[in-house]
Amino acid sequence: MKNDPESPTSVRLRLEIRDAMVGHATSTRSLECFGLLAGRDGVITKAYPAKNVAANPATAYEIAPREIFDLMREMRAAGLDLLGIYHSHPNGKNEPSPRDIESAYYPDAAYFIISPLPTAPRPIRAFSIRDGRVMELEIQILSGRESNDQSA
């Protein structure tokens, strides 16, 4: 697949955000967890875990319209931008499913998929999903100062 010059090839997030996403997925091991990720200047600095209201939360995720409205308002009030969305695949590979691709409504957001399985070679992966096209993103973990970047 060709790289779209408009599409990023990596995503940056704070170490504690990565740990929060993995912790959320582990705590809801048999159900898909879900949350929004926010920050500024291209760095994800805050996770907003959300309640999964899908009819079958073991295989899908859905956020209530009121909750997404409230979380987006909270982000704006904090001066943050929506930079990512995360969810888990409790029993499958952490790559976008056809349903994930179809419901990627925020083309500028990074889509993180978490695997809570102890045998997962990479428990957290991130993707750009635009117009049905999927590209895996490099995850850069920032701990302490931004100059201490490392890949996940």
Foldseek 3Di string as FASTA:
>chain_A
DDDDPVDDQAAEEAPVVVVVQLVQCLVVLQFKWKWWFKDPPRYTYDIGTADFPDPGRSADGDHDPVVVVVVVVVQVVVVIDTAAMEMENNPDAQDDDPVNLVPPPPQRHKYKYAYNDPPHPDRIWIWRRDPSDIHTHWYWYAYDDNVPTDTD
